Amino acid sequence: MPPPGPFQSKNKAGRDIAGHDINYTTNIGNRPSTLRQLAEKIKLDCEQDTHLRAFIDKLQHFVNVAAIAPSKDLEQKLRESGRENVILDATMLKERFAKKLYKQQFSEHAQELFAHILARIHSFFTMKIKPRISDNATRTEIDDLIHDDLLKSIYDEIGDCEAEIDFHDLLGMVYFLAGNCHISWT
């Protein structure tokens, strides 16, 4: 082998020395995409933040369909309680709230607010509406209780908040809970 030329005699190879092109192939493999990495970080944040996890769990209780056998959908519950005339509106308001809930799924404060309102509605039905139904109250009496003593009081309390919850949203929460088998009018 001939001795190195005058221009290469002082070279020190850290990697490769070539007199022409060097082609490298880099295999990245199964490296997760940027979006996947961000999604994993959000998941990790939720798992590590016990305060946020508690609110998510509290809200999840109402989002899941209650374990009641046999379960009935919102339309069946409305028909059985003589509320056929509100089925279309009730379905629309339930879906409207579900979309708002979905839109706010990563806001700890919105989740906390929704969890508290849903719990309050649920408790009101358990403590005030069910006994009145058992006492044979009329539909009008029940609806007045729901409107005046429950929804109006919540609306007056939250006022014009950042979450932009209006009366339809509150009524949508009632139908949302009914549709998920947490409350009923029978």
Foldseek 3Di string as FASTA:
>chain_A
DDDDDPVCPPDDDPDDDDPDDDDDDDDPDCDDDPVVVVVVVLVVVCVVPVLLVVLVVLLVVQQAQDPDPPADALCVLCVVQVNNVCVVVLVVLLVVLVVLCVVCVSPSVVSNVLSVLLVQLLVCQVPPQVVCVVVVHHPVVSVCCCVPVRLVVVCVVCDCDPSRDDSSNSSSSVSSSSRSPSHGND
